[in-house]
């Protein structure tokens, strides 16, 4: 164990674990392939249930900053694919492996409830290695510029890229009546494409993006999705009505944890009840810093003890009334 890891062990009362990342650290300065990840506590739940942080897109970034114990440097440089792997781990260890959701069958149009286990999601690890600049290369199948093939260089998406994309898409969205038109694909290209035919001029890149043939663009997106490390969030489920197999991509975003602003009240109730009823002398800070799985376990035990006590009190009361009647 390194000295930095020993320090983390000494300074952290919250349990943590070490997990591998899909990118194998290739895109980071320290080239670390594993990171120490702290379990979610009420502190992180406050972030995930804050409407302001969710709307601003900062909730997940702050979650990563709080949970990654040995991340050094700017959290904005974390790859989206690695963040998704962290989120799958945090969601599974805090709220269980099973996720339920509603699907609408594309064959019979019937809506039904379905579920899947997070442990069944596969990690998309590095297949094609990036070049010395940590960029990938894609040659457009049909598009030409002055008779020459168009060679695209692009980088994997980071947290900073995702935040810029969200803001730019919202800013450039056009409304036609009740319809909102977004140029998400174009904005994503502008953030990830670094050069075209060796030219890094932003103006040229924008012009080429706007003139891409649809078929070439589709193949470029498919290649980007194929080579970028991360989590394969495609889930296949069978319709309960007709048996048709439906393919869904489960968004790994703030809603992925299944929390909402109302959950915060539930969480605070648990903190209060454990502090009030806990026989171990828990302080508010103790409970606030408990991993979610531990807090729920303690809460369940308290409920069991309260129910036992209430049952014993009722039994004693009924016995007392029965004895009083017999006299």
Protein backbone atom coordinates (compact mmCIF):
# COMPACT_ATOMS: atom_id res chain seq x y z
CA UNK A 1 0.00 0.00 0.00
CA UNK A 2 1.34 3.41 -0.97
CA UNK A 3 1.76 6.21 1.57
CA UNK A 4 -1.07 8.17 -0.10
CA UNK A 5 -3.38 5.17 0.33
CA UNK A 6 -2.36 4.78 3.97
CA UNK A 7 -3.26 8.43 4.51
CA UNK A 8 -6.68 7.90 2.93
CA UNK A 9 -7.31 4.92 5.22
CA UNK A 10 -6.33 7.00 8.27
CA UNK A 11 -8.41 10.04 7.33
CA UNK A 12 -11.62 8.37 6.14
CA UNK A 13 -14.15 6.91 8.52
CA UNK A 14 -16.51 6.07 5.64
CA UNK A 15 -15.89 2.62 4.08
CA UNK A 16 -14.53 2.56 0.55
CA UNK A 17 -13.41 0.08 -2.07
CA UNK A 18 -11.04 -0.09 -5.02
CA UNK A 19 -12.49 -0.54 -8.51
CA UNK A 20 -11.05 -0.79 -12.00
CA UNK A 21 -12.02 1.64 -14.76
CA UNK A 22 -12.83 0.82 -18.41
CA UNK A 23 -10.21 3.24 -19.82
CA UNK A 24 -7.42 1.55 -17.85
CA UNK A 25 -6.12 5.04 -17.05
CA UNK A 26 -4.69 5.52 -20.55
CA UNK A 27 -6.16 9.02 -20.91
CA UNK A 28 -4.97 10.32 -17.52
CA UNK A 29 -1.62 11.77 -16.56
CA UNK A 30 -1.01 9.31 -13.71
CA UNK A 31 -2.18 6.32 -15.85
CA UNK A 32 -3.93 4.80 -12.82
CA UNK A 33 -6.12 1.82 -13.68
CA UNK A 34 -7.95 1.65 -10.33
CA UNK A 35 -9.39 4.22 -7.94
CA UNK A 36 -10.56 4.23 -4.34
CA UNK A 37 -14.29 4.94 -4.25
CA UNK A 38 -16.19 5.94 -1.10
CA UNK A 39 -19.68 4.57 -0.61
CA UNK A 40 -22.60 7.00 -0.92
CA UNK A 41 -23.74 8.67 2.31
CA UNK A 42 -26.42 11.24 3.15
CA UNK A 43 -23.90 13.89 2.11
CA UNK A 44 -23.95 12.63 -1.47
CA UNK A 45 -27.71 12.04 -1.38
CA UNK A 46 -28.11 15.76 -0.66
CA UNK A 47 -26.30 16.44 -3.94
CA UNK A 48 -28.41 13.96 -5.89
CA UNK A 49 -31.70 15.43 -4.60
CA UNK A 50 -30.86 19.12 -5.05
CA UNK A 51 -33.03 20.59 -7.85
CA UNK A 52 -30.53 23.42 -8.36
CA UNK A 53 -27.52 21.11 -8.73
CA UNK A 54 -29.46 18.73 -10.96
CA UNK A 55 -30.66 21.53 -13.25
CA UNK A 56 -27.15 22.99 -13.51
CA UNK A 57 -25.66 19.59 -14.31
CA UNK A 58 -23.23 19.84 -11.39
CA UNK A 59 -24.74 17.09 -9.21
CA UNK A 60 -22.88 14.19 -10.82
CA UNK A 61 -19.61 16.11 -10.99
CA UNK A 62 -19.82 16.91 -7.29
CA UNK A 63 -20.73 13.28 -6.59
CA UNK A 64 -17.55 12.17 -8.34
CA UNK A 65 -15.45 14.76 -6.50
CA UNK A 66 -16.83 13.52 -3.19
CA UNK A 67 -16.62 9.79 -3.94
CA UNK A 68 -13.24 9.45 -5.67
CA UNK A 69 -10.76 9.51 -2.80
CA UNK A 70 -7.50 9.34 -4.74
CA UNK A 71 -8.37 11.36 -7.84
CA UNK A 72 -5.68 13.96 -8.35
CA UNK A 73 -6.22 17.00 -10.52
CA UNK A 74 -9.27 18.42 -12.27
CA UNK A 75 -12.39 16.23 -11.99
CA UNK A 76 -13.57 17.77 -15.29
CA UNK A 77 -10.99 15.58 -17.05
CA UNK A 78 -12.71 12.38 -15.92
CA UNK A 79 -14.01 10.45 -18.93
CA UNK A 80 -17.77 10.01 -19.15
CA UNK A 81 -17.30 6.27 -19.66
CA UNK A 82 -15.26 5.94 -16.46
CA UNK A 83 -17.76 8.08 -14.57
CA UNK A 84 -20.55 5.75 -15.74
CA UNK A 85 -18.62 2.76 -14.38
CA UNK A 86 -18.28 4.53 -11.02
CA UNK A 87 -21.99 5.32 -11.02
CA UNK A 88 -23.01 1.73 -11.72
CA UNK A 89 -20.87 0.65 -8.77
CA UNK A 90 -22.27 3.35 -6.45
CA UNK A 91 -25.86 2.65 -7.48
CA UNK A 92 -25.48 -1.10 -6.97
CA UNK A 93 -23.73 -0.90 -3.58
CA UNK A 94 -26.11 1.75 -2.22
CA UNK A 95 -29.57 0.88 -3.55
CA UNK A 96 -29.29 -2.70 -4.77
CA UNK A 97 -28.41 -4.47 -7.99
CA UNK A 98 -31.92 -4.54 -9.43
CA UNK A 99 -33.41 -1.65 -11.43
CA UNK A 100 -37.07 -1.56 -12.46
CA UNK A 101 -38.46 0.53 -15.29
CA UNK A 102 -41.46 0.86 -17.61
CA UNK A 103 -41.19 -0.21 -21.25
CA UNK A 104 -43.50 0.35 -24.21
CA UNK A 105 -43.43 -2.47 -26.73
CA UNK A 106 -42.67 -1.29 -30.27
CA UNK A 107 -44.61 -4.27 -31.61
CA UNK A 108 -47.90 -4.27 -29.67
CA UNK A 109 -47.63 -0.80 -27.99
CA UNK A 110 -48.45 -2.28 -24.57
CA UNK A 111 -46.68 -0.76 -21.56
CA UNK A 112 -45.33 -3.10 -18.91
CA UNK A 113 -42.92 -3.19 -16.00
CA UNK A 114 -39.51 -4.73 -16.51
CA UNK A 115 -36.24 -4.96 -14.60
CA UNK A 116 -32.60 -5.88 -14.99
CA UNK A 117 -29.57 -6.39 -12.77
CA UNK A 118 -26.72 -3.92 -12.88
CA UNK A 119 -24.28 -6.80 -12.51
CA UNK A 120 -25.38 -7.87 -15.98
CA UNK A 121 -24.08 -4.67 -17.62
CA UNK A 122 -20.79 -5.17 -19.42
CA UNK A 123 -17.87 -2.78 -19.33
CA UNK A 124 -16.69 -1.44 -22.71
CA UNK A 125 -12.95 -1.68 -22.37
CA UNK A 126 -10.26 -0.33 -24.70
CA UNK A 127 -10.33 -2.05 -28.10
CA UNK A 128 -8.51 0.33 -30.42
CA UNK A 129 -5.65 2.26 -28.86
CA UNK A 130 -5.56 6.05 -29.32
CA UNK A 131 -2.55 7.74 -30.92
CA UNK A 132 0.23 9.60 -29.11
CA UNK A 133 -2.09 12.60 -28.67
CA UNK A 134 -4.73 10.34 -27.06
CA UNK A 135 -7.00 10.82 -30.09
CA UNK A 136 -8.81 8.35 -32.33
CA UNK A 137 -8.82 8.37 -36.13
CA UNK A 138 -11.77 7.76 -38.45
CA UNK A 139 -11.76 8.00 -42.25
CA UNK A 140 -15.12 9.06 -43.66
CA UNK A 141 -16.41 6.34 -46.05
CA UNK A 142 -17.62 8.61 -48.87
CA UNK A 143 -16.98 12.26 -48.02
CA UNK A 144 -14.16 14.04 -49.87
CA UNK A 145 -12.54 17.48 -49.60
CA UNK A 146 -10.92 18.57 -52.83
CA UNK A 147 -10.80 14.98 -53.94
CA UNK A 148 -9.09 13.77 -50.75
CA UNK A 149 -10.50 11.46 -48.10
CA UNK A 150 -11.68 13.16 -44.92
CA UNK A 151 -9.70 12.02 -41.88
CA UNK A 152 -11.37 12.80 -38.55
CA UNK A 153 -9.46 12.96 -35.26
CA UNK A 154 -11.52 12.95 -32.06
CA UNK A 155 -11.08 12.57 -28.32
CA UNK A 156 -13.21 10.69 -25.75
CA UNK A 157 -15.86 12.73 -23.99
CA UNK A 158 -15.06 14.17 -20.55
CA UNK A 159 -17.24 15.70 -17.82
CA UNK A 160 -16.25 19.15 -19.11
CA UNK A 161 -17.32 18.18 -22.64
CA UNK A 162 -20.67 16.90 -21.41
CA UNK A 163 -21.37 20.11 -19.48
CA UNK A 164 -20.50 22.26 -22.52
CA UNK A 165 -22.64 20.09 -24.79
CA UNK A 166 -25.68 20.37 -22.52
CA UNK A 167 -25.36 24.15 -22.22
CA UNK A 168 -24.72 24.68 -25.93
CA UNK A 169 -27.60 22.44 -27.02
CA UNK A 170 -29.96 24.35 -24.73
CA UNK A 171 -28.65 27.69 -25.99
CA UNK A 172 -28.90 26.79 -29.68
CA UNK A 173 -32.22 24.93 -29.51
CA UNK A 174 -34.91 26.29 -31.81
CA UNK A 175 -38.63 26.21 -31.17
CA UNK A 176 -41.14 25.73 -33.96
CA UNK A 177 -44.54 25.96 -32.34
CA UNK A 178 -44.57 23.39 -29.55
CA UNK A 179 -41.68 21.50 -31.14
CA UNK A 180 -38.16 21.96 -29.75
CA UNK A 181 -35.35 21.19 -32.21
CA UNK A 182 -31.94 20.35 -30.77
CA UNK A 183 -28.66 19.94 -32.62
CA UNK A 184 -27.09 17.54 -30.10
CA UNK A 185 -25.18 15.50 -32.69
CA UNK A 186 -23.56 18.56 -34.25
CA UNK A 187 -22.68 20.06 -30.86
CA UNK A 188 -21.18 16.76 -29.72
CA UNK A 189 -19.01 16.63 -32.84
CA UNK A 190 -17.83 20.19 -32.24
CA UNK A 191 -16.71 19.23 -28.73
CA UNK A 192 -15.03 15.94 -29.58
CA UNK A 193 -13.54 16.40 -33.06
CA UNK A 194 -10.06 17.88 -32.71
CA UNK A 195 -8.89 18.03 -36.32
CA UNK A 196 -9.87 17.27 -39.91
CA UNK A 197 -7.14 16.27 -42.34
CA UNK A 198 -4.61 17.51 -39.81
CA UNK A 199 -6.18 20.99 -39.57
CA UNK A 200 -7.33 22.07 -36.11
CA UNK A 201 -9.14 25.22 -37.25
CA UNK A 202 -12.50 25.50 -35.44
CA UNK A 203 -14.14 27.22 -38.42
CA UNK A 204 -13.16 24.42 -40.80
CA UNK A 205 -14.33 21.76 -38.38
CA UNK A 206 -17.74 23.44 -38.06
CA UNK A 207 -18.15 23.70 -41.84
CA UNK A 208 -17.24 20.07 -42.42
CA UNK A 209 -19.60 18.92 -39.65
CA UNK A 210 -22.50 20.77 -41.27
CA UNK A 211 -21.79 19.17 -44.66
CA UNK A 212 -21.33 15.56 -43.49
CA UNK A 213 -23.43 13.01 -45.44
CA UNK A 214 -25.93 11.31 -43.15
CA UNK A 215 -24.49 7.86 -43.79
CA UNK A 216 -20.95 8.97 -42.95
CA UNK A 217 -22.16 10.74 -39.83
CA UNK A 218 -23.99 7.61 -38.65
CA UNK A 219 -20.86 5.49 -39.13
CA UNK A 220 -18.72 8.07 -37.33
CA UNK A 221 -21.10 8.03 -34.35
CA UNK A 222 -21.08 4.23 -34.33
CA UNK A 223 -17.27 4.19 -34.29
CA UNK A 224 -17.13 6.79 -31.51
CA UNK A 225 -19.48 4.65 -29.44
CA UNK A 226 -17.47 1.51 -30.21
CA UNK A 227 -14.01 2.76 -29.23
CA UNK A 228 -14.79 4.97 -26.26
CA UNK A 229 -14.45 2.99 -23.01
CA UNK A 230 -17.39 2.94 -20.65
CA UNK A 231 -20.50 0.92 -19.83
CA UNK A 232 -22.68 -0.89 -22.35
CA UNK A 233 -26.04 0.37 -21.09
CA UNK A 234 -28.10 -1.52 -23.67
CA UNK A 235 -30.73 -3.69 -21.99
CA UNK A 236 -32.81 -6.28 -23.86
CA UNK A 237 -36.17 -7.27 -22.39
CA UNK A 238 -39.09 -9.35 -23.62
CA UNK A 239 -42.57 -7.80 -23.78
CA UNK A 240 -44.87 -9.41 -21.21
CA UNK A 241 -47.77 -9.17 -23.68
CA UNK A 242 -46.43 -10.45 -27.01
CA UNK A 243 -42.92 -11.67 -26.22
CA UNK A 244 -41.26 -9.23 -28.61
CA UNK A 245 -37.67 -8.46 -27.57
CA UNK A 246 -37.17 -4.76 -26.93
CA UNK A 247 -33.80 -3.02 -26.83
CA UNK A 248 -33.45 -0.02 -24.54
CA UNK A 249 -30.53 2.20 -23.59
CA UNK A 250 -30.75 3.02 -19.90
CA UNK A 251 -29.56 6.61 -19.31
CA UNK A 252 -26.78 6.77 -16.74
CA UNK A 253 -27.61 10.22 -15.41
CA UNK A 254 -28.88 11.80 -12.20
CA UNK A 255 -32.14 9.83 -12.44
CA UNK A 256 -30.13 6.61 -12.57
CA UNK A 257 -30.07 6.53 -8.75
CA UNK A 258 -33.86 6.64 -8.53
CA UNK A 259 -33.86 9.61 -6.15
CA UNK A 260 -35.94 12.79 -6.27
CA UNK A 261 -36.31 15.97 -4.16
CA UNK A 262 -38.97 14.22 -2.03
CA UNK A 263 -36.46 11.50 -1.13
CA UNK A 264 -34.44 14.06 0.81
CA UNK A 265 -37.22 14.26 3.42
CA UNK A 266 -37.20 10.47 3.72
CA UNK A 267 -33.43 10.50 4.16
CA UNK A 268 -33.58 13.19 6.83
CA UNK A 269 -36.30 11.23 8.66
CA UNK A 270 -33.98 8.23 8.76
CA UNK A 271 -31.13 10.35 10.10
CA UNK A 272 -33.39 11.72 12.86
CA UNK A 273 -34.88 8.35 13.83
CA UNK A 274 -31.50 6.61 14.06
CA UNK A 275 -30.10 9.50 16.11
CA UNK A 276 -33.17 9.44 18.37
CA UNK A 277 -33.72 5.69 18.77
CA UNK A 278 -30.25 4.33 18.13
CA UNK A 279 -28.93 2.64 21.27
CA UNK A 280 -25.37 2.99 20.08
CA UNK A 281 -25.33 6.69 20.85
CA UNK A 282 -25.24 7.81 17.21
CA UNK A 283 -24.70 11.52 16.65
CA UNK A 284 -26.20 13.28 13.65
CA UNK A 285 -22.77 13.42 12.04
CA UNK A 286 -22.32 9.68 12.63
CA UNK A 287 -25.53 8.89 10.78
CA UNK A 288 -24.92 11.49 8.07
CA UNK A 289 -21.61 9.79 7.30
CA UNK A 290 -22.96 6.24 7.28
CA UNK A 291 -22.93 4.45 3.93
CA UNK A 292 -26.50 4.20 2.66
CA UNK A 293 -26.52 0.40 2.93
CA UNK A 294 -25.46 0.61 6.61
CA UNK A 295 -27.95 3.35 7.43
CA UNK A 296 -30.77 1.29 5.95
CA UNK A 297 -29.65 -1.78 7.87
CA UNK A 298 -29.60 0.16 11.16
CA UNK A 299 -33.00 1.67 10.34
CA UNK A 300 -34.45 -1.77 9.69
CA UNK A 301 -33.10 -3.10 12.99
CA UNK A 302 -34.56 -0.12 14.84
CA UNK A 303 -37.94 -0.70 13.22
CA UNK A 304 -37.80 -4.36 14.22
CA UNK A 305 -36.95 -3.46 17.83
CA UNK A 306 -39.70 -0.83 17.98
CA UNK A 307 -42.22 -3.33 16.61
CA UNK A 308 -41.12 -5.93 19.18
CA UNK A 309 -41.46 -3.40 21.99
CA UNK A 310 -44.89 -2.27 20.75
CA UNK A 311 -46.03 -5.89 20.52
CA UNK A 312 -44.74 -6.58 24.04
CA UNK A 313 -46.49 -3.44 25.35
CA UNK A 314 -49.77 -4.48 23.70
CA UNK A 315 -49.45 -7.98 25.14
CA UNK A 316 -48.78 -6.60 28.62
CA UNK A 317 -51.68 -4.17 28.30
CA UNK A 318 -54.09 -6.90 27.15
CA UNK A 319 -52.93 -9.16 30.00
CA UNK A 320 -53.48 -6.36 32.53
CA UNK A 321 -57.01 -5.69 31.19
CA UNK A 322 -57.80 -9.41 31.26
CA UNK A 323 -56.64 -9.72 34.87
CA UNK A 324 -58.64 -6.63 35.85
CA UNK A 325 -61.82 -8.11 34.35
CA UNK A 326 -61.37 -11.43 36.14
CA UNK A 327 -61.31 -9.78 39.57
